[in-house]
Amino acid sequence: MPFNNVFKALSDSTRRQILNMLQKGDLTAGDIADQFDMTKPSISHHLNILKQANLVQDIRKGQNIYYSLNTTVFQEVIGWLYDFLTPEETEISEGNNNNDSNDHSKPFKKEVKNNGKDN
């Protein structure tokens, strides 16, 4: 899955706020618009970008259209990011490290191989 639309959608603070609102439950465009000081067409634009990224889906219930989170895309993005960890980092992040330290304040260090070249 290409993530360009996902990262574009997540790059805007208004869209991130909308996602946070939808985390609490489904909302209509009007419910969402009431929380912002912007025009309804602007909110509609943001919702369309979120829909294009498949981060939200819309469901018609009677005369209203309700927006909800599509958590599958979030899971795919997390899985893609998780693949960047080495097996050792994966063990540490899952809490399976052999030392008793739970200090995760230090960033993971990824060993870079120079393929036999001296720097």
N, C-alpha and C. Protein backbone atom coordinates (compact mmCIF):
# COMPACT_ATOMS: atom_id res chain seq x y z
N MET A 1 0.84 -1.19 0.00
CA MET A 1 0.00 0.00 0.00
C MET A 1 0.88 1.24 0.00
N PRO A 2 0.67 2.15 -0.94
CA PRO A 2 1.43 3.40 -0.92
C PRO A 2 0.92 4.31 0.20
N PHE A 3 1.85 4.86 0.94
CA PHE A 3 1.50 5.66 2.10
C PHE A 3 1.56 7.16 1.85
N ASN A 4 1.80 7.59 0.61
CA ASN A 4 1.90 9.03 0.32
C ASN A 4 0.67 9.79 0.78
N ASN A 5 -0.52 9.28 0.45
CA ASN A 5 -1.76 9.97 0.85
C ASN A 5 -1.95 9.96 2.35
N VAL A 6 -1.50 8.89 3.00
CA VAL A 6 -1.63 8.80 4.46
C VAL A 6 -0.77 9.88 5.11
N PHE A 7 0.49 9.98 4.70
CA PHE A 7 1.37 10.97 5.32
C PHE A 7 0.95 12.39 4.98
N LYS A 8 0.43 12.59 3.78
CA LYS A 8 -0.10 13.91 3.41
C LYS A 8 -1.26 14.26 4.34
N ALA A 9 -2.16 13.31 4.55
CA ALA A 9 -3.32 13.56 5.41
C ALA A 9 -2.89 13.84 6.85
N LEU A 10 -1.91 13.10 7.32
CA LEU A 10 -1.46 13.27 8.71
C LEU A 10 -0.62 14.52 8.92
N SER A 11 -0.17 15.13 7.84
CA SER A 11 0.71 16.30 7.97
C SER A 11 -0.02 17.56 8.41
N ASP A 12 -1.33 17.55 8.37
CA ASP A 12 -2.11 18.74 8.70
C ASP A 12 -2.71 18.62 10.10
N SER A 13 -2.54 19.65 10.92
CA SER A 13 -3.02 19.60 12.30
C SER A 13 -4.55 19.52 12.40
N THR A 14 -5.26 20.16 11.48
CA THR A 14 -6.73 20.08 11.50
C THR A 14 -7.18 18.65 11.26
N ARG A 15 -6.55 17.98 10.30
CA ARG A 15 -6.93 16.60 10.03
C ARG A 15 -6.56 15.68 11.20
N ARG A 16 -5.44 15.96 11.86
CA ARG A 16 -5.09 15.16 13.04
C ARG A 16 -6.11 15.38 14.16
N GLN A 17 -6.60 16.60 14.30
CA GLN A 17 -7.64 16.89 15.30
C GLN A 17 -8.93 16.12 14.96
N ILE A 18 -9.27 16.09 13.69
CA ILE A 18 -10.47 15.34 13.27
C ILE A 18 -10.31 13.86 13.62
N LEU A 19 -9.13 13.31 13.35
CA LEU A 19 -8.88 11.91 13.68
C LEU A 19 -9.01 11.67 15.19
N ASN A 20 -8.50 12.59 15.98
CA ASN A 20 -8.63 12.46 17.44
C ASN A 20 -10.10 12.49 17.86
N MET A 21 -10.89 13.33 17.22
CA MET A 21 -12.32 13.39 17.54
C MET A 21 -13.00 12.08 17.18
N LEU A 22 -12.65 11.52 16.03
CA LEU A 22 -13.29 10.28 15.58
C LEU A 22 -12.84 9.07 16.40
N GLN A 23 -11.74 9.23 17.10
CA GLN A 23 -11.27 8.16 17.98
C GLN A 23 -12.30 7.90 19.09
N LYS A 24 -13.06 8.92 19.43
CA LYS A 24 -14.07 8.80 20.50
C LYS A 24 -15.40 8.26 19.98
N GLY A 25 -15.56 8.22 18.64
CA GLY A 25 -16.80 7.71 18.07
C GLY A 25 -17.13 8.36 16.75
N ASP A 26 -18.10 7.79 16.06
CA ASP A 26 -18.53 8.29 14.76
C ASP A 26 -19.19 9.67 14.89
N LEU A 27 -18.95 10.53 13.90
CA LEU A 27 -19.50 11.88 13.90
C LEU A 27 -19.96 12.26 12.50
N THR A 28 -20.94 13.14 12.44
CA THR A 28 -21.34 13.71 11.15
C THR A 28 -20.39 14.86 10.82
N ALA A 29 -20.42 15.28 9.55
CA ALA A 29 -19.61 16.43 9.14
C ALA A 29 -20.00 17.67 9.93
N GLY A 30 -21.29 17.81 10.21
CA GLY A 30 -21.76 18.95 11.00
C GLY A 30 -21.21 18.92 12.42
N ASP A 31 -21.21 17.73 13.04
CA ASP A 31 -20.64 17.59 14.39
C ASP A 31 -19.16 18.00 14.39
N ILE A 32 -18.46 17.58 13.35
CA ILE A 32 -17.04 17.90 13.25
C ILE A 32 -16.85 19.40 13.01
N ALA A 33 -17.63 19.96 12.10
CA ALA A 33 -17.52 21.38 11.76
C ALA A 33 -17.79 22.27 12.96
N ASP A 34 -18.71 21.84 13.83
CA ASP A 34 -19.04 22.64 15.02
C ASP A 34 -17.84 22.85 15.94
N GLN A 35 -16.83 22.01 15.83
CA GLN A 35 -15.66 22.09 16.72
C GLN A 35 -14.55 22.98 16.16
N PHE A 36 -14.77 23.52 14.96
CA PHE A 36 -13.74 24.32 14.30
C PHE A 36 -14.29 25.68 13.90
N ASP A 37 -13.40 26.64 13.83
CA ASP A 37 -13.76 27.97 13.35
C ASP A 37 -13.36 28.09 11.89
N MET A 38 -14.04 27.29 11.05
CA MET A 38 -13.79 27.35 9.61
C MET A 38 -15.08 26.97 8.88
N THR A 39 -15.10 27.21 7.60
CA THR A 39 -16.31 26.95 6.83
C THR A 39 -16.55 25.45 6.67
N LYS A 40 -17.80 25.09 6.44
CA LYS A 40 -18.14 23.68 6.21
C LYS A 40 -17.47 23.13 4.95
N PRO A 41 -17.35 23.93 3.87
CA PRO A 41 -16.60 23.42 2.73
C PRO A 41 -15.14 23.09 3.05
N SER A 42 -14.53 23.86 3.95
CA SER A 42 -13.15 23.57 4.37
C SER A 42 -13.09 22.25 5.12
N ILE A 43 -14.05 22.02 6.00
CA ILE A 43 -14.10 20.75 6.73
C ILE A 43 -14.32 19.60 5.75
N SER A 44 -15.19 19.82 4.79
CA SER A 44 -15.45 18.80 3.77
C SER A 44 -14.16 18.46 3.01
N HIS A 45 -13.38 19.46 2.70
CA HIS A 45 -12.10 19.27 2.01
C HIS A 45 -11.18 18.38 2.86
N HIS A 46 -11.08 18.69 4.15
CA HIS A 46 -10.23 17.89 5.04
C HIS A 46 -10.74 16.45 5.14
N LEU A 47 -12.05 16.28 5.22
CA LEU A 47 -12.63 14.93 5.29
C LEU A 47 -12.35 14.16 4.01
N ASN A 48 -12.40 14.84 2.87
CA ASN A 48 -12.11 14.17 1.60
C ASN A 48 -10.66 13.70 1.52
N ILE A 49 -9.74 14.49 2.03
CA ILE A 49 -8.33 14.08 2.04
C ILE A 49 -8.15 12.87 2.96
N LEU A 50 -8.83 12.89 4.11
CA LEU A 50 -8.76 11.74 5.02
C LEU A 50 -9.38 10.49 4.37
N LYS A 51 -10.45 10.68 3.61
CA LYS A 51 -11.07 9.55 2.91
C LYS A 51 -10.16 9.02 1.81
N GLN A 52 -9.52 9.91 1.05
CA GLN A 52 -8.59 9.48 0.00
C GLN A 52 -7.46 8.63 0.56
N ALA A 53 -7.05 8.95 1.78
CA ALA A 53 -5.98 8.19 2.44
C ALA A 53 -6.53 6.94 3.13
N ASN A 54 -7.83 6.73 3.05
CA ASN A 54 -8.52 5.61 3.71
C ASN A 54 -8.38 5.63 5.23
N LEU A 55 -8.10 6.80 5.79
CA LEU A 55 -8.02 6.92 7.24
C LEU A 55 -9.40 7.01 7.88
N VAL A 56 -10.37 7.50 7.10
CA VAL A 56 -11.76 7.54 7.58
C VAL A 56 -12.65 6.95 6.50
N GLN A 57 -13.79 6.49 6.94
CA GLN A 57 -14.81 6.00 6.00
C GLN A 57 -16.12 6.68 6.36
N ASP A 58 -16.98 6.81 5.37
CA ASP A 58 -18.27 7.45 5.62
C ASP A 58 -19.38 6.44 5.41
N ILE A 59 -20.37 6.53 6.28
CA ILE A 59 -21.50 5.61 6.27
C ILE A 59 -22.78 6.43 6.36
N ARG A 60 -23.68 6.20 5.40
CA ARG A 60 -24.96 6.91 5.41
C ARG A 60 -25.91 6.21 6.37
N LYS A 61 -26.47 6.99 7.28
CA LYS A 61 -27.51 6.51 8.19
C LYS A 61 -28.68 7.48 8.08
N GLY A 62 -29.70 7.08 7.35
CA GLY A 62 -30.82 7.99 7.11
C GLY A 62 -30.37 9.15 6.27
N GLN A 63 -30.62 10.36 6.76
CA GLN A 63 -30.23 11.55 6.02
C GLN A 63 -28.82 12.01 6.34
N ASN A 64 -28.20 11.40 7.32
CA ASN A 64 -26.87 11.83 7.76
C ASN A 64 -25.78 10.91 7.24
N ILE A 65 -24.61 11.49 7.06
CA ILE A 65 -23.41 10.71 6.74
C ILE A 65 -22.50 10.78 7.96
N TYR A 66 -22.17 9.61 8.48
CA TYR A 66 -21.30 9.53 9.65
C TYR A 66 -19.89 9.13 9.21
N TYR A 67 -18.91 9.76 9.83
CA TYR A 67 -17.51 9.46 9.56
C TYR A 67 -16.95 8.66 10.72
N SER A 68 -16.13 7.67 10.38
CA SER A 68 -15.50 6.84 11.41
C SER A 68 -14.07 6.53 10.99
N LEU A 69 -13.25 6.16 11.98
CA LEU A 69 -11.86 5.81 11.71
C LEU A 69 -11.78 4.46 11.01
N ASN A 70 -10.82 4.35 10.12
CA ASN A 70 -10.48 3.07 9.53
C ASN A 70 -9.15 2.65 10.15
N THR A 71 -9.21 1.89 11.21
CA THR A 71 -7.99 1.54 11.95
C THR A 71 -7.07 0.60 11.19
N THR A 72 -7.57 -0.05 10.16
CA THR A 72 -6.73 -0.96 9.37
C THR A 72 -5.54 -0.23 8.77
N VAL A 73 -5.76 0.97 8.27
CA VAL A 73 -4.66 1.73 7.67
C VAL A 73 -3.63 2.09 8.74
N PHE A 74 -4.07 2.46 9.92
CA PHE A 74 -3.14 2.77 11.00
C PHE A 74 -2.29 1.54 11.32
N GLN A 75 -2.92 0.37 11.34
CA GLN A 75 -2.19 -0.88 11.61
C GLN A 75 -1.16 -1.15 10.52
N GLU A 76 -1.51 -0.88 9.28
CA GLU A 76 -0.57 -1.10 8.17
C GLU A 76 0.62 -0.15 8.27
N VAL A 77 0.38 1.10 8.63
CA VAL A 77 1.47 2.07 8.78
C VAL A 77 2.37 1.66 9.93
N ILE A 78 1.79 1.26 11.05
CA ILE A 78 2.58 0.83 12.20
C ILE A 78 3.42 -0.40 11.83
N GLY A 79 2.82 -1.34 11.11
CA GLY A 79 3.56 -2.52 10.67
C GLY A 79 4.71 -2.16 9.76
N TRP A 80 4.48 -1.22 8.85
CA TRP A 80 5.53 -0.77 7.95
C TRP A 80 6.67 -0.12 8.73
N LEU A 81 6.34 0.74 9.69
CA LEU A 81 7.36 1.38 10.51
C LEU A 81 8.10 0.36 11.37
N TYR A 82 7.38 -0.61 11.89
CA TYR A 82 7.95 -1.64 12.75
C TYR A 82 9.01 -2.45 12.00
N ASP A 83 8.85 -2.62 10.70
CA ASP A 83 9.80 -3.38 9.89
C ASP A 83 11.18 -2.73 9.84
N PHE A 84 11.30 -1.47 10.22
CA PHE A 84 12.59 -0.80 10.22
C PHE A 84 13.45 -1.20 11.41
N LEU A 85 12.84 -1.81 12.42
CA LEU A 85 13.61 -2.25 13.58
C LEU A 85 14.36 -3.52 13.25
N THR A 86 15.57 -3.65 13.82
CA THR A 86 16.30 -4.91 13.67
C THR A 86 15.67 -5.93 14.61
N PRO A 87 15.98 -7.23 14.44
CA PRO A 87 15.42 -8.23 15.36
C PRO A 87 15.72 -7.93 16.83
N GLU A 88 16.94 -7.43 17.12
CA GLU A 88 17.30 -7.10 18.51
C GLU A 88 16.42 -5.95 19.03
N GLU A 89 16.20 -4.95 18.20
CA GLU A 89 15.37 -3.82 18.60
C GLU A 89 13.93 -4.26 18.78
N THR A 90 13.48 -5.17 17.95
CA THR A 90 12.13 -5.69 18.06
C THR A 90 11.95 -6.38 19.41
N GLU A 91 12.95 -7.20 19.81
CA GLU A 91 12.88 -7.87 21.11
C GLU A 91 12.80 -6.86 22.24
N ILE A 92 13.63 -5.82 22.17
CA ILE A 92 13.64 -4.80 23.22
C ILE A 92 12.30 -4.08 23.26
N SER A 93 11.77 -3.70 22.10
CA SER A 93 10.52 -2.95 22.07
C SER A 93 9.35 -3.80 22.55
N GLU A 94 9.46 -5.12 22.43
CA GLU A 94 8.40 -6.00 22.91
C GLU A 94 8.59 -6.38 24.37
N GLY A 95 9.66 -5.86 24.99
CA GLY A 95 9.89 -6.14 26.41
C GLY A 95 10.55 -7.47 26.66
N ASN A 96 11.19 -8.07 25.66
CA ASN A 96 11.82 -9.37 25.83
C ASN A 96 13.32 -9.28 25.97
N ASN A 97 13.83 -8.11 26.38
CA ASN A 97 15.27 -7.99 26.52
C ASN A 97 15.72 -8.70 27.79
N ASN A 98 16.98 -9.12 27.81
CA ASN A 98 17.48 -9.93 28.91
C ASN A 98 17.96 -9.11 30.09
N ASN A 99 18.19 -7.81 29.93
CA ASN A 99 18.60 -7.04 31.09
C ASN A 99 17.36 -6.51 31.82
N ASP A 100 17.57 -6.10 33.06
CA ASP A 100 16.45 -5.69 33.90
C ASP A 100 16.08 -4.23 33.70
N SER A 101 16.79 -3.53 32.84
CA SER A 101 16.53 -2.11 32.66
C SER A 101 15.30 -1.89 31.80
N ASN A 102 14.44 -1.01 32.24
CA ASN A 102 13.27 -0.61 31.45
C ASN A 102 13.45 0.81 30.94
N ASP A 103 14.71 1.25 30.87
CA ASP A 103 14.99 2.60 30.42
C ASP A 103 14.92 2.66 28.91
N HIS A 104 13.83 3.19 28.39
CA HIS A 104 13.65 3.32 26.96
C HIS A 104 13.90 4.76 26.50
N SER A 105 14.57 5.54 27.35
CA SER A 105 14.82 6.93 27.00
C SER A 105 15.93 7.05 25.97
N LYS A 106 16.77 6.02 25.86
CA LYS A 106 17.85 6.05 24.88
C LYS A 106 17.32 5.54 23.55
N PRO A 107 17.67 6.22 22.46
CA PRO A 107 17.18 5.76 21.16
C PRO A 107 17.87 4.47 20.76
N PHE A 108 17.19 3.71 19.92
CA PHE A 108 17.78 2.49 19.38
C PHE A 108 18.92 2.89 18.47
N LYS A 109 20.01 2.11 18.52
CA LYS A 109 21.11 2.36 17.61
C LYS A 109 21.14 1.23 16.60
N LYS A 110 21.10 1.59 15.37
CA LYS A 110 21.14 0.61 14.29
C LYS A 110 22.55 0.57 13.75
N GLU A 111 23.14 -0.62 13.74
CA GLU A 111 24.50 -0.78 13.25
C GLU A 111 24.51 -0.63 11.74
N VAL A 112 25.38 0.22 11.26
CA VAL A 112 25.50 0.44 9.83
C VAL A 112 26.73 -0.30 9.34
N LYS A 113 26.54 -1.15 8.36
CA LYS A 113 27.66 -1.91 7.80
C LYS A 113 28.21 -1.14 6.61
N ASN A 114 29.53 -1.09 6.54
CA ASN A 114 30.15 -0.33 5.46
C ASN A 114 30.56 -1.20 4.29
N ASN A 115 30.15 -2.47 4.27
CA ASN A 115 30.42 -3.38 3.15
C ASN A 115 31.91 -3.46 2.80
N GLY A 116 32.76 -3.52 3.85
CA GLY A 116 34.19 -3.69 3.64
C GLY A 116 34.92 -2.42 3.26
N LYS A 117 34.25 -1.32 3.26
CA LYS A 117 34.89 -0.05 2.89
C LYS A 117 35.33 0.65 4.16
N ASP A 118 36.52 1.21 4.15
CA ASP A 118 37.00 2.01 5.27
C ASP A 118 36.59 3.45 5.07
N ASN A 119 36.23 4.09 6.17
CA ASN A 119 35.81 5.50 6.08
C ASN A 119 36.98 6.40 6.25
